[in-house]
N, C-alpha and C. Protein backbone atom coordinates (compact mmCIF):
# COMPACT_ATOMS: atom_id res chain seq x y z
N MET A 1 98.70 44.42 128.11
CA MET A 1 98.62 43.87 126.81
C MET A 1 98.66 45.20 125.82
N ALA A 2 99.81 45.56 124.85
CA ALA A 2 99.75 46.63 124.20
C ALA A 2 98.70 46.71 123.21
N GLN A 3 98.23 47.96 123.08
CA GLN A 3 96.94 48.26 121.96
C GLN A 3 97.79 48.04 120.42
N LEU A 4 96.99 47.29 119.54
CA LEU A 4 97.53 47.57 118.26
C LEU A 4 97.08 48.56 117.73
N ILE A 5 97.81 49.41 116.99
CA ILE A 5 97.55 50.59 116.02
C ILE A 5 97.52 50.18 114.82
N THR A 6 96.62 50.28 114.02
CA THR A 6 96.44 49.83 112.60
C THR A 6 96.08 51.25 111.68
N GLU A 7 96.43 50.82 110.39
CA GLU A 7 96.11 52.05 109.39
C GLU A 7 94.69 52.48 109.70
N ASP A 8 93.85 51.69 109.98
CA ASP A 8 92.37 52.21 110.37
C ASP A 8 91.99 53.09 111.22
N ASP A 9 93.31 52.95 112.51
CA ASP A 9 93.16 53.59 113.61
C ASP A 9 93.58 55.03 113.27
N LEU A 10 94.58 55.19 112.30
CA LEU A 10 95.24 56.23 111.94
C LEU A 10 94.18 57.13 111.02
N ASP A 11 93.46 56.33 110.08
CA ASP A 11 92.78 57.01 109.36
C ASP A 11 91.65 57.53 110.10
N GLU A 12 90.99 56.88 111.03
CA GLU A 12 89.83 57.62 112.08
C GLU A 12 90.08 58.60 112.53
N LEU A 13 91.32 58.61 113.04
CA LEU A 13 91.81 59.84 113.86
C LEU A 13 92.07 61.15 112.76
N GLU A 14 92.55 60.72 111.86
CA GLU A 14 92.74 61.83 110.80
C GLU A 14 91.48 62.38 110.46
N LEU A 15 90.38 61.68 110.33
CA LEU A 15 89.16 62.00 109.71
C LEU A 15 88.06 62.98 110.72
N ARG A 16 88.88 62.91 112.24
CA ARG A 16 88.00 63.60 113.31
C ARG A 16 88.38 65.20 112.88
N VAL A 17 87.48 65.98 113.14
CA VAL A 17 87.59 67.38 112.89
C VAL A 17 88.24 67.90 114.06
N ALA A 18 89.32 68.84 113.41
CA ALA A 18 90.08 69.25 114.76
C ALA A 18 90.15 70.76 114.28
N ASP A 19 90.38 71.49 115.51
CA ASP A 19 90.55 72.92 115.62
C ASP A 19 91.08 73.32 116.77
N GLY A 20 91.94 74.36 116.81
CA GLY A 20 92.78 74.94 117.90
C GLY A 20 93.19 73.80 118.74
N ARG A 21 93.00 73.77 120.12
CA ARG A 21 93.77 72.65 120.86
C ARG A 21 93.65 71.23 120.24
N GLY A 22 92.26 70.94 119.34
CA GLY A 22 92.28 69.76 118.99
C GLY A 22 93.32 69.03 117.99
N HIS A 23 94.23 69.82 117.69
CA HIS A 23 95.35 69.78 116.71
C HIS A 23 96.51 69.08 117.92
N VAL A 24 96.54 69.62 119.11
CA VAL A 24 97.69 69.11 120.16
C VAL A 24 97.16 68.10 120.47
N ALA A 25 96.03 67.81 120.80
CA ALA A 25 95.49 66.54 121.50
C ALA A 25 95.85 65.21 120.38
N ARG A 26 95.53 65.62 119.22
CA ARG A 26 95.76 64.55 118.15
C ARG A 26 97.35 64.34 118.08
N ALA A 27 98.27 65.46 117.84
CA ALA A 27 99.59 65.07 117.67
C ALA A 27 100.21 64.44 119.15
N ASP A 28 99.61 64.90 120.29
CA ASP A 28 100.37 64.25 121.63
C ASP A 28 99.91 62.69 121.28
N LEU A 29 98.76 62.08 120.93
CA LEU A 29 98.49 60.98 120.74
C LEU A 29 98.98 60.21 119.75
N LEU A 30 99.57 60.82 118.47
CA LEU A 30 100.13 60.28 117.61
C LEU A 30 101.69 60.06 118.15
N GLU A 31 102.10 61.05 119.08
CA GLU A 31 103.62 61.00 119.44
C GLU A 31 103.55 59.34 120.48
N ARG A 32 102.65 59.20 121.18
CA ARG A 32 102.54 58.29 122.03
C ARG A 32 102.41 56.91 121.45
N TRP A 33 101.57 56.86 120.22
CA TRP A 33 101.61 55.78 119.51
C TRP A 33 103.03 55.28 119.00
N ALA A 34 103.74 56.01 118.46
CA ALA A 34 104.88 56.11 118.00
C ALA A 34 106.03 55.91 118.90
N THR A 35 105.91 56.22 120.26
CA THR A 35 106.94 56.05 121.23
C THR A 35 106.62 55.13 122.38
N ASP A 36 105.64 54.99 122.58
CA ASP A 36 105.44 54.22 123.75
C ASP A 36 105.02 52.73 123.47
N ASP A 37 106.29 51.88 123.38
CA ASP A 37 106.31 50.47 122.89
C ASP A 37 105.42 49.78 124.10
N ALA A 38 105.44 50.00 125.12
CA ALA A 38 104.93 49.51 126.40
C ALA A 38 103.34 49.24 126.06
N ALA A 39 102.77 50.41 125.43
CA ALA A 39 101.26 50.61 125.57
C ALA A 39 100.77 50.39 124.19
N PHE A 40 101.79 50.61 123.17
CA PHE A 40 101.15 50.41 121.90
C PHE A 40 102.09 49.81 120.93
N GLU A 41 101.47 48.77 120.06
CA GLU A 41 102.24 47.95 119.18
C GLU A 41 101.54 48.54 117.55
N LEU A 42 102.78 48.54 116.82
CA LEU A 42 102.14 49.13 115.48
C LEU A 42 102.20 48.00 114.43
N ALA A 43 100.94 47.95 113.84
CA ALA A 43 100.36 46.86 112.71
C ALA A 43 101.45 47.12 111.56
N GLU A 44 101.66 46.03 110.96
CA GLU A 44 102.27 46.20 109.51
C GLU A 44 101.83 47.20 108.80
N GLY A 45 102.84 48.08 108.17
CA GLY A 45 102.20 49.37 107.33
C GLY A 45 102.10 50.57 108.16
N VAL A 46 102.30 50.62 109.47
CA VAL A 46 102.19 51.90 110.38
C VAL A 46 103.43 51.95 110.63
N ARG A 47 104.03 52.93 110.16
CA ARG A 47 105.69 53.29 110.67
C ARG A 47 105.48 54.40 111.76
N ARG A 48 106.59 54.28 112.70
CA ARG A 48 106.86 55.30 113.76
C ARG A 48 107.10 56.59 112.99
N ALA A 49 107.84 56.77 112.02
CA ALA A 49 108.45 58.03 111.28
C ALA A 49 107.14 58.61 110.76
N HIS A 50 106.30 58.15 110.00
CA HIS A 50 104.84 58.66 109.68
C HIS A 50 104.28 59.29 110.67
N LEU A 51 103.85 58.44 111.82
CA LEU A 51 103.33 58.70 112.87
C LEU A 51 103.96 60.23 113.34
N LEU A 52 105.03 60.30 113.58
CA LEU A 52 105.85 61.41 113.89
C LEU A 52 105.87 62.59 113.15
N LEU A 53 106.03 62.47 111.91
CA LEU A 53 105.69 63.63 110.77
C LEU A 53 104.18 64.07 110.63
N THR A 54 103.25 63.21 111.17
CA THR A 54 101.94 63.65 111.02
C THR A 54 101.69 64.43 112.48
N ALA A 55 102.40 64.04 113.49
CA ALA A 55 102.06 64.90 114.85
C ALA A 55 102.67 66.00 114.65
N ALA A 56 103.84 66.22 113.99
CA ALA A 56 104.75 67.48 113.75
C ALA A 56 103.85 68.54 112.98
N GLU A 57 103.05 67.96 112.01
CA GLU A 57 101.76 68.73 110.95
C GLU A 57 100.96 69.21 111.67
N HIS A 58 100.56 68.45 112.94
CA HIS A 58 99.35 68.57 113.79
C HIS A 58 99.87 69.88 114.80
N PHE A 59 101.00 69.73 115.06
CA PHE A 59 101.64 71.01 116.27
C PHE A 59 101.86 72.02 115.23
N GLU A 60 102.25 71.90 114.29
CA GLU A 60 102.60 73.01 113.22
C GLU A 60 100.97 73.74 113.01
N MET A 61 100.18 73.02 112.88
CA MET A 61 98.59 73.67 112.48
C MET A 61 98.30 74.46 113.90
N ALA A 62 98.61 73.67 114.94
CA ALA A 62 98.22 74.50 116.24
C ALA A 62 99.06 75.62 116.78
N GLY A 63 100.36 75.96 116.04
CA GLY A 63 100.99 77.08 116.26
C GLY A 63 102.14 76.45 117.38
N GLU A 64 102.27 75.40 117.56
CA GLU A 64 103.10 74.69 118.48
C GLU A 64 104.53 74.41 117.80
N LEU A 65 105.15 75.37 117.24
CA LEU A 65 106.22 75.26 116.23
C LEU A 65 107.25 74.65 117.24
N ASP A 66 107.92 74.84 118.39
CA ASP A 66 108.99 74.15 118.84
C ASP A 66 108.72 72.56 118.98
N ARG A 67 107.50 72.37 119.41
CA ARG A 67 107.01 70.80 119.60
C ARG A 67 106.90 70.27 117.97
N ALA A 68 106.89 71.13 117.08
CA ALA A 68 106.44 70.38 115.63
C ALA A 68 107.86 70.42 115.33
N LEU A 69 108.63 70.95 115.47
CA LEU A 69 110.31 70.81 115.14
C LEU A 69 110.79 69.49 115.72
N THR A 70 110.59 69.25 117.07
CA THR A 70 111.21 68.27 117.67
C THR A 70 110.40 66.81 117.29
N ALA A 71 109.31 67.11 117.18
CA ALA A 71 108.54 65.74 116.30
C ALA A 71 108.92 65.42 114.87
N ALA A 72 109.45 66.63 114.07
CA ALA A 72 109.98 66.31 112.84
C ALA A 72 111.15 65.63 112.97
N ARG A 73 112.03 66.33 113.90
CA ARG A 73 113.43 65.73 114.01
C ARG A 73 113.38 64.40 114.37
N ARG A 74 112.40 63.90 115.51
CA ARG A 74 112.34 62.66 115.76
C ARG A 74 111.86 61.72 114.69
N ALA A 75 110.98 62.41 113.79
CA ALA A 75 110.70 61.46 112.61
C ALA A 75 111.97 61.02 111.87
N ALA A 76 112.49 62.06 111.57
CA ALA A 76 113.92 62.09 110.67
C ALA A 76 114.96 60.84 111.37
N GLU A 77 114.93 60.80 112.43
CA GLU A 77 115.82 59.78 113.04
C GLU A 77 115.11 58.67 113.57
N ALA A 78 113.72 58.39 113.10
CA ALA A 78 113.46 57.16 113.36
C ALA A 78 113.71 55.79 112.68
N SER A 79 113.64 54.65 113.37
CA SER A 79 114.47 53.65 112.73
C SER A 79 113.93 53.23 111.35
N ASP A 80 112.50 53.76 111.22
CA ASP A 80 111.88 53.15 109.92
C ASP A 80 111.52 54.42 109.03
N ALA A 81 112.35 55.30 109.25
CA ALA A 81 112.21 56.61 108.41
C ALA A 81 112.82 56.00 107.04
N GLU A 82 111.98 56.96 106.00
CA GLU A 82 112.70 56.72 104.62
C GLU A 82 113.60 58.06 104.38
N PRO A 83 114.75 57.66 103.64
CA PRO A 83 115.61 58.84 103.44
C PRO A 83 114.97 60.19 103.02
N HIS A 84 115.40 61.19 103.63
CA HIS A 84 114.97 62.57 103.72
C HIS A 84 113.33 62.95 103.57
N GLU A 85 112.38 62.02 104.17
CA GLU A 85 110.98 61.93 103.99
C GLU A 85 110.68 63.02 104.85
N ALA A 86 111.31 63.30 106.22
CA ALA A 86 110.89 64.56 107.18
C ALA A 86 111.66 66.01 106.45
N THR A 87 112.36 66.09 105.32
CA THR A 87 112.85 67.27 104.98
C THR A 87 111.93 68.45 104.73
N GLY A 88 111.13 68.25 104.02
CA GLY A 88 109.94 69.19 103.64
C GLY A 88 109.49 69.57 104.89
N ARG A 89 109.16 68.98 105.69
CA ARG A 89 108.22 69.46 107.07
C ARG A 89 109.36 70.18 107.71
N LEU A 90 110.51 69.76 108.00
CA LEU A 90 111.67 70.41 108.84
C LEU A 90 111.66 71.84 108.25
N VAL A 91 112.03 72.09 106.78
CA VAL A 91 112.27 73.20 105.99
C VAL A 91 111.09 74.29 106.45
N ALA A 92 109.90 73.75 106.45
CA ALA A 92 108.49 74.34 106.80
C ALA A 92 108.70 74.71 107.85
N ILE A 93 109.09 74.29 109.08
CA ILE A 93 108.94 74.30 110.38
C ILE A 93 109.87 75.38 110.61
N GLN A 94 110.99 75.11 110.32
CA GLN A 94 111.97 76.19 110.52
C GLN A 94 112.04 77.58 109.91
N LEU A 95 111.56 77.43 108.79
CA LEU A 95 111.06 78.64 108.00
C LEU A 95 109.90 79.53 109.07
N ALA A 96 109.06 78.63 109.41
CA ALA A 96 107.92 79.34 110.20
C ALA A 96 108.65 79.89 111.71
N LEU A 97 109.61 79.25 112.37
CA LEU A 97 110.02 79.66 113.41
C LEU A 97 111.21 81.17 113.14
N GLY A 98 111.44 81.11 111.72
CA GLY A 98 112.26 82.32 111.37
C GLY A 98 113.73 81.76 111.31
N GLU A 99 114.26 80.60 111.31
CA GLU A 99 115.20 79.98 111.25
C GLU A 99 115.51 79.83 109.59
N ARG A 100 115.80 80.75 108.90
CA ARG A 100 115.99 80.41 107.62
C ARG A 100 117.50 79.99 107.21
N ASP A 101 118.19 80.29 107.83
CA ASP A 101 119.63 79.71 107.57
C ASP A 101 119.69 78.12 107.91
N ALA A 102 118.86 77.72 109.17
CA ALA A 102 118.78 76.24 109.14
C ALA A 102 117.81 75.60 108.27
N ALA A 103 117.13 76.30 107.57
CA ALA A 103 116.04 75.87 106.67
C ALA A 103 116.92 75.63 105.38
N LEU A 104 117.85 76.54 105.03
CA LEU A 104 118.57 76.63 104.00
C LEU A 104 119.55 75.28 103.91
N ARG A 105 120.14 75.03 105.01
CA ARG A 105 120.97 73.96 105.32
C ARG A 105 120.24 72.72 105.38
N THR A 106 119.27 72.60 105.80
CA THR A 106 118.57 71.51 105.80
C THR A 106 117.97 70.95 104.13
N ALA A 107 117.51 72.09 103.42
CA ALA A 107 117.43 71.83 102.20
C ALA A 107 118.42 71.27 101.53
N ASP A 108 119.72 72.00 101.63
CA ASP A 108 120.81 71.79 101.00
C ASP A 108 121.49 70.37 100.94
N GLU A 109 121.05 69.86 102.48
CA GLU A 109 121.42 68.40 102.52
C GLU A 109 120.44 67.12 101.65
N LEU A 110 119.46 67.75 101.31
CA LEU A 110 118.82 66.94 100.28
C LEU A 110 119.35 67.07 99.02
N ARG A 111 119.46 68.34 98.67
CA ARG A 111 120.17 68.81 97.33
C ARG A 111 121.38 67.84 97.12
N GLY A 112 122.15 68.06 98.22
CA GLY A 112 123.47 67.13 97.93
C GLY A 112 123.43 65.72 98.11
N SER A 113 122.67 65.00 98.41
CA SER A 113 122.54 63.88 98.76
C SER A 113 122.35 63.18 97.48
N GLY A 114 122.00 63.53 96.35
CA GLY A 114 122.28 62.60 95.10
C GLY A 114 120.53 61.68 95.18
N SER A 115 119.80 62.28 95.66
CA SER A 115 118.40 61.46 95.88
C SER A 115 117.61 62.03 94.65
N GLY A 116 117.09 60.93 93.95
CA GLY A 116 116.33 61.15 92.60
C GLY A 116 115.06 61.38 92.80
N GLN A 117 114.63 61.12 94.52
CA GLN A 117 112.96 61.13 94.44
C GLN A 117 112.61 62.77 94.33
N TRP A 118 111.76 62.91 93.22
CA TRP A 118 111.64 64.29 92.90
C TRP A 118 110.58 64.68 94.02
N TRP A 119 109.61 64.00 94.29
CA TRP A 119 108.54 64.31 95.36
C TRP A 119 109.29 64.96 96.85
N ARG A 120 110.23 64.28 97.17
CA ARG A 120 111.13 65.36 98.19
C ARG A 120 111.11 66.66 97.86
N HIS A 121 112.08 66.74 96.77
CA HIS A 121 112.37 68.30 96.50
C HIS A 121 111.17 68.94 96.25
N LEU A 122 109.98 68.55 95.77
CA LEU A 122 109.09 69.38 95.60
C LEU A 122 108.35 69.67 96.80
N HIS A 123 108.61 68.90 98.04
CA HIS A 123 107.93 69.35 99.32
C HIS A 123 108.88 70.44 99.81
N VAL A 124 110.11 70.45 99.37
CA VAL A 124 110.77 71.59 99.90
C VAL A 124 110.51 72.82 99.24
N ALA A 125 110.28 72.60 97.78
CA ALA A 125 109.95 73.85 97.05
C ALA A 125 108.44 74.43 97.48
N GLU A 126 107.62 73.59 97.85
CA GLU A 126 106.37 74.02 98.49
C GLU A 126 106.66 74.79 99.91
N ALA A 127 107.29 74.38 100.48
CA ALA A 127 107.65 75.01 101.84
C ALA A 127 108.14 76.26 101.51
N PHE A 128 109.22 76.58 100.67
CA PHE A 128 109.53 77.80 100.26
C PHE A 128 108.44 78.75 100.00
N GLU A 129 107.77 78.22 98.82
CA GLU A 129 106.66 78.77 98.35
C GLU A 129 105.46 79.44 99.42
N LEU A 130 105.10 78.53 100.45
CA LEU A 130 104.19 79.10 101.48
C LEU A 130 104.94 79.76 102.37
N ALA A 131 106.26 80.00 102.33
CA ALA A 131 107.14 80.94 103.45
C ALA A 131 107.15 82.25 102.62
N ASP A 132 106.48 82.34 101.47
CA ASP A 132 106.76 83.43 100.26
C ASP A 132 108.29 83.78 100.11
N GLU A 133 109.18 82.76 100.25
CA GLU A 133 110.47 82.74 99.61
C GLU A 133 110.52 82.31 97.88
N LEU A 134 110.18 83.28 97.18
CA LEU A 134 109.64 82.94 96.11
C LEU A 134 110.89 82.63 95.13
N GLU A 135 112.27 83.32 95.46
CA GLU A 135 113.22 82.80 94.51
C GLU A 135 113.76 81.33 94.89
N LEU A 136 113.87 81.23 96.30
CA LEU A 136 114.02 79.81 96.47
C LEU A 136 113.38 78.92 96.06
N ALA A 137 111.64 79.25 96.28
CA ALA A 137 110.71 78.35 95.74
C ALA A 137 111.04 78.02 94.18
N GLU A 138 111.36 79.01 93.30
CA GLU A 138 111.22 78.93 91.81
C GLU A 138 112.37 78.03 91.57
N ARG A 139 113.71 78.15 92.32
CA ARG A 139 114.72 77.40 92.24
C ARG A 139 114.56 75.50 92.60
N TRP A 140 113.74 75.57 93.61
CA TRP A 140 113.47 74.23 93.86
C TRP A 140 112.34 73.36 93.20
N PHE A 141 111.53 74.32 92.46
CA PHE A 141 110.50 73.93 91.41
C PHE A 141 111.47 73.28 90.14
N ALA A 142 112.25 74.39 89.87
CA ALA A 142 113.15 73.96 88.66
C ALA A 142 113.88 72.77 88.91
N ILE A 143 114.68 72.62 90.30
CA ILE A 143 115.19 71.44 90.77
C ILE A 143 114.27 70.21 90.41
N THR A 144 113.06 70.30 90.93
CA THR A 144 112.18 69.20 90.98
C THR A 144 111.63 68.77 89.62
N LEU A 145 111.68 69.74 88.66
CA LEU A 145 111.38 69.50 87.15
C LEU A 145 112.53 68.75 86.50
N ARG A 146 113.87 68.96 86.82
CA ARG A 146 114.94 68.33 86.23
C ARG A 146 115.03 66.95 86.65
N LEU A 147 114.78 66.34 87.95
CA LEU A 147 114.45 65.43 88.42
C LEU A 147 113.45 64.25 88.02
N ILE A 148 112.33 65.36 87.74
CA ILE A 148 111.08 64.39 87.07
C ILE A 148 111.53 64.14 85.47
N GLU A 149 112.18 64.91 85.07
CA GLU A 149 112.51 64.58 83.62
C GLU A 149 113.51 63.41 83.45
N ARG A 150 114.29 63.20 84.54
CA ARG A 150 115.31 62.21 84.45
C ARG A 150 114.64 60.71 84.99
N ASP A 151 113.25 60.95 85.54
CA ASP A 151 112.62 59.68 86.03
C ASP A 151 112.07 58.95 84.81
N PRO A 152 112.28 57.66 84.60
CA PRO A 152 111.98 56.97 83.28
C PRO A 152 110.37 56.63 83.74
N GLU A 153 109.96 56.65 84.81
CA GLU A 153 108.64 56.46 85.22
C GLU A 153 107.65 57.67 85.04
N HIS A 154 108.18 58.70 84.92
CA HIS A 154 107.46 60.20 85.27
C HIS A 154 106.24 60.03 83.97
N ASP A 155 105.45 60.89 84.44
CA ASP A 155 104.38 60.94 83.53
C ASP A 155 103.84 62.56 83.20
N VAL A 156 103.17 63.17 82.29
CA VAL A 156 103.01 64.43 82.16
C VAL A 156 102.42 65.08 83.37
N ALA A 157 101.62 64.48 84.07
CA ALA A 157 100.81 64.82 85.18
C ALA A 157 101.87 65.44 86.22
N ASP A 158 102.87 64.50 86.49
CA ASP A 158 104.19 64.98 87.36
C ASP A 158 104.97 66.07 86.95
N ARG A 159 105.19 66.25 85.59
CA ARG A 159 105.73 67.43 85.13
C ARG A 159 104.94 68.73 85.50
N LEU A 160 103.59 68.49 85.23
CA LEU A 160 102.84 69.68 85.42
C LEU A 160 102.69 70.27 86.95
N ILE A 161 102.95 69.32 87.72
CA ILE A 161 102.98 69.67 89.20
C ILE A 161 104.29 70.63 89.28
N ALA A 162 105.30 70.34 89.05
CA ALA A 162 106.39 71.13 89.09
C ALA A 162 106.40 72.60 88.12
N LEU A 163 105.62 72.11 86.94
CA LEU A 163 105.70 73.36 86.39
C LEU A 163 104.68 74.39 86.84
N SER A 164 103.51 73.88 87.51
CA SER A 164 102.34 74.72 87.97
C SER A 164 103.30 75.34 89.11
N GLY A 165 103.71 74.82 90.00
CA GLY A 165 104.35 75.41 91.14
C GLY A 165 105.56 76.54 90.79
N ARG A 166 106.49 76.00 89.69
CA ARG A 166 107.16 77.27 88.85
C ARG A 166 106.32 78.47 88.45
N PHE A 167 105.34 78.05 87.71
CA PHE A 167 104.45 79.17 87.20
C PHE A 167 104.00 80.14 88.30
N ARG A 168 103.62 79.75 89.56
CA ARG A 168 102.70 80.41 90.61
C ARG A 168 103.78 81.34 91.13
N VAL A 169 104.90 80.80 91.57
CA VAL A 169 105.73 81.87 92.12
C VAL A 169 106.36 82.74 91.44
N ARG A 170 106.90 82.33 90.06
CA ARG A 170 107.13 83.64 88.82
C ARG A 170 106.05 84.47 89.20
N ARG A 171 104.90 84.13 88.83
CA ARG A 171 103.78 84.88 88.71
C ARG A 171 103.76 85.91 90.03
N ASP A 172 103.88 85.46 91.03
CA ASP A 172 103.85 86.11 92.53
C ASP A 172 104.88 87.01 92.46
N ALA A 173 106.03 86.60 91.97
CA ALA A 173 107.12 87.50 92.12
C ALA A 173 107.10 88.64 90.75
N GLY A 174 106.11 88.66 90.08
CA GLY A 174 105.79 89.60 88.99
C GLY A 174 106.88 89.50 87.85
N LYS A 175 107.28 88.15 87.63
CA LYS A 175 108.19 87.94 86.41
C LYS A 175 107.57 87.68 85.41
N PRO A 176 107.92 88.18 84.08
CA PRO A 176 107.29 88.10 82.91
C PRO A 176 107.28 86.54 82.31
N GLU A 177 106.05 86.19 81.95
CA GLU A 177 105.71 84.90 81.17
C GLU A 177 107.32 84.18 80.39
N ASP A 178 107.61 83.11 80.35
CA ASP A 178 108.62 82.54 79.60
C ASP A 178 108.29 81.46 78.96
N VAL A 179 108.91 80.52 78.33
CA VAL A 179 108.73 79.23 77.61
C VAL A 179 108.30 78.45 78.60
N LEU A 180 108.73 78.12 79.59
CA LEU A 180 108.04 77.25 80.39
C LEU A 180 106.85 77.48 81.35
N ASP A 181 106.48 78.60 81.22
CA ASP A 181 105.16 79.27 81.96
C ASP A 181 104.31 78.82 80.38
N ALA A 182 104.48 79.32 79.47
CA ALA A 182 103.70 79.00 78.45
C ALA A 182 103.36 77.58 78.16
N GLU A 183 104.37 76.86 78.46
CA GLU A 183 104.10 75.47 78.13
C GLU A 183 103.10 74.71 79.50
N THR A 184 103.13 75.44 80.72
CA THR A 184 102.43 75.27 81.89
C THR A 184 100.79 75.44 81.46
N SER A 185 100.57 76.58 80.96
CA SER A 185 99.10 76.99 80.26
C SER A 185 99.09 75.80 79.44
N GLN A 186 99.49 75.70 78.41
CA GLN A 186 98.96 74.72 77.37
C GLN A 186 98.66 73.46 77.92
N LEU A 187 99.73 72.87 78.71
CA LEU A 187 99.54 71.69 79.25
C LEU A 187 98.19 71.43 80.08
N ARG A 188 97.97 72.45 81.12
CA ARG A 188 96.88 72.62 82.06
C ARG A 188 95.56 72.66 80.92
N GLU A 189 95.44 73.20 79.93
CA GLU A 189 94.33 73.34 78.91
C GLU A 189 94.38 72.05 78.29
N LEU A 190 95.30 71.21 77.83
CA LEU A 190 95.16 70.14 77.12
C LEU A 190 94.88 68.96 78.22
N LEU A 191 95.13 69.06 79.38
CA LEU A 191 94.79 67.79 80.31
C LEU A 191 93.44 68.54 80.94
N GLY A 192 92.77 69.52 80.66
CA GLY A 192 91.45 69.74 81.03
C GLY A 192 91.43 70.55 82.65
N TYR A 193 92.72 71.06 82.99
CA TYR A 193 92.63 71.76 84.08
C TYR A 193 92.37 73.15 83.94
N GLU A 194 91.68 73.63 85.08
CA GLU A 194 91.63 75.23 85.14
C GLU A 194 92.55 76.07 85.26
N PRO A 195 92.84 77.29 84.78
CA PRO A 195 93.98 78.01 84.69
C PRO A 195 94.39 78.22 86.16
N ILE A 196 95.62 78.38 86.52
CA ILE A 196 96.12 78.86 87.80
C ILE A 196 95.72 79.96 88.36
N PRO A 197 94.71 80.13 89.46
CA PRO A 197 94.08 81.24 90.06
C PRO A 197 95.36 82.32 90.31
């Protein structure tokens, strides 16, 4: 009889302390949960795509980049995957592997998709920022900001997320402060946030 995997099981696994090879063991288990239908059944709310993306993240943290890329690609192709939910992780892993052209193509697929889900674009911006691709990160934070402005349900905190990312990468690139940077500082002060370190 297949073991039922619930959100509680996932939470418990994620709360365990993992370092070094612990990340690989965790990722292996997540992959088994996602793919071994004979041994595991997923409860309502537990998605294969999410399990595989989480596995990819753990492989990446362990430095197992090829395995991380495979898991992220499987997540993107999973039957329960949401459109473009794996894009940010794929871009991050491709950049970590030195596959910059592939990362650009992956990001451009999202940009050309017409998806208005600004948080998917934010994940790509953050991937470029973490890879120290500051010009690309600034561009993607700006794309994210435009999408947020078009979202009728957005709030000032959403806008500040994109503005803060844009502020960070512009500062790190040594660019002078502009109007949006000034707005970032004003909004952070207004909302009681600390200045960006």
